[in-house]
Amino acid sequence: MKKTMIIIHWLTVILIAMAFLSIEYRSAFGKHSLFHDVMKTSHLYIGFLVLFLTIFRLIARQFVGGMSLDIPKSNFRVAISHFFHLFLYVWLIAMPILGWCIISAKGSYSIPFGIPSIISVMPHTTVVAIKDLHNTFAYFGLWVIFIHASVALVDYYFMKKRKL
């Protein structure tokens, strides 16, 4: 089952990369192109897949337990590690829900997988505010992921050998 958790972890990483790339490069061939529409729709579906996968991961984690490193850690490192992981799980759930709120509030999109709206149609200014929050939270989360990956690489390649 731990192998399954590792696969879920890397599948989540791939989906996040795909979500980021699909929305960042959606206008590469113009805003009114088929490519734009496909990338935007892909972003929506990928977001829901991240949400479903994260919920599955949290449920599966209850049966497997957390991943552990062989490196003895100080209490400070453990606390920081727990905080980062908690943030990442909240982020992995909040980002798709914010996206779901955006498409629900706009009222002009078909929600992926036939899922119902999460909120009523709202004024444009409210939609823009939700979208701004989604964008800001996205970039903040990507920085946290970068820090998480950097620390994991340092732990794996340097700390593991030294047993610090």
Foldseek 3Di string as FASTA:
>chain_A
DVVVLVVLVVVLVVLLVLLVVLQVCLQVPHCPDPSNVVSVVSNLVSLVVLQVSLVVSVVVCVVVPDDDDPADDDPVVVVVVVVLVVLLSCLSNVLSVLVLQLCQQCVPDQHPPNDDRPDHHHDPVVSVVSVVVSVVSSVVSVVSVVVVVVVVVCCVPPCVVVSD
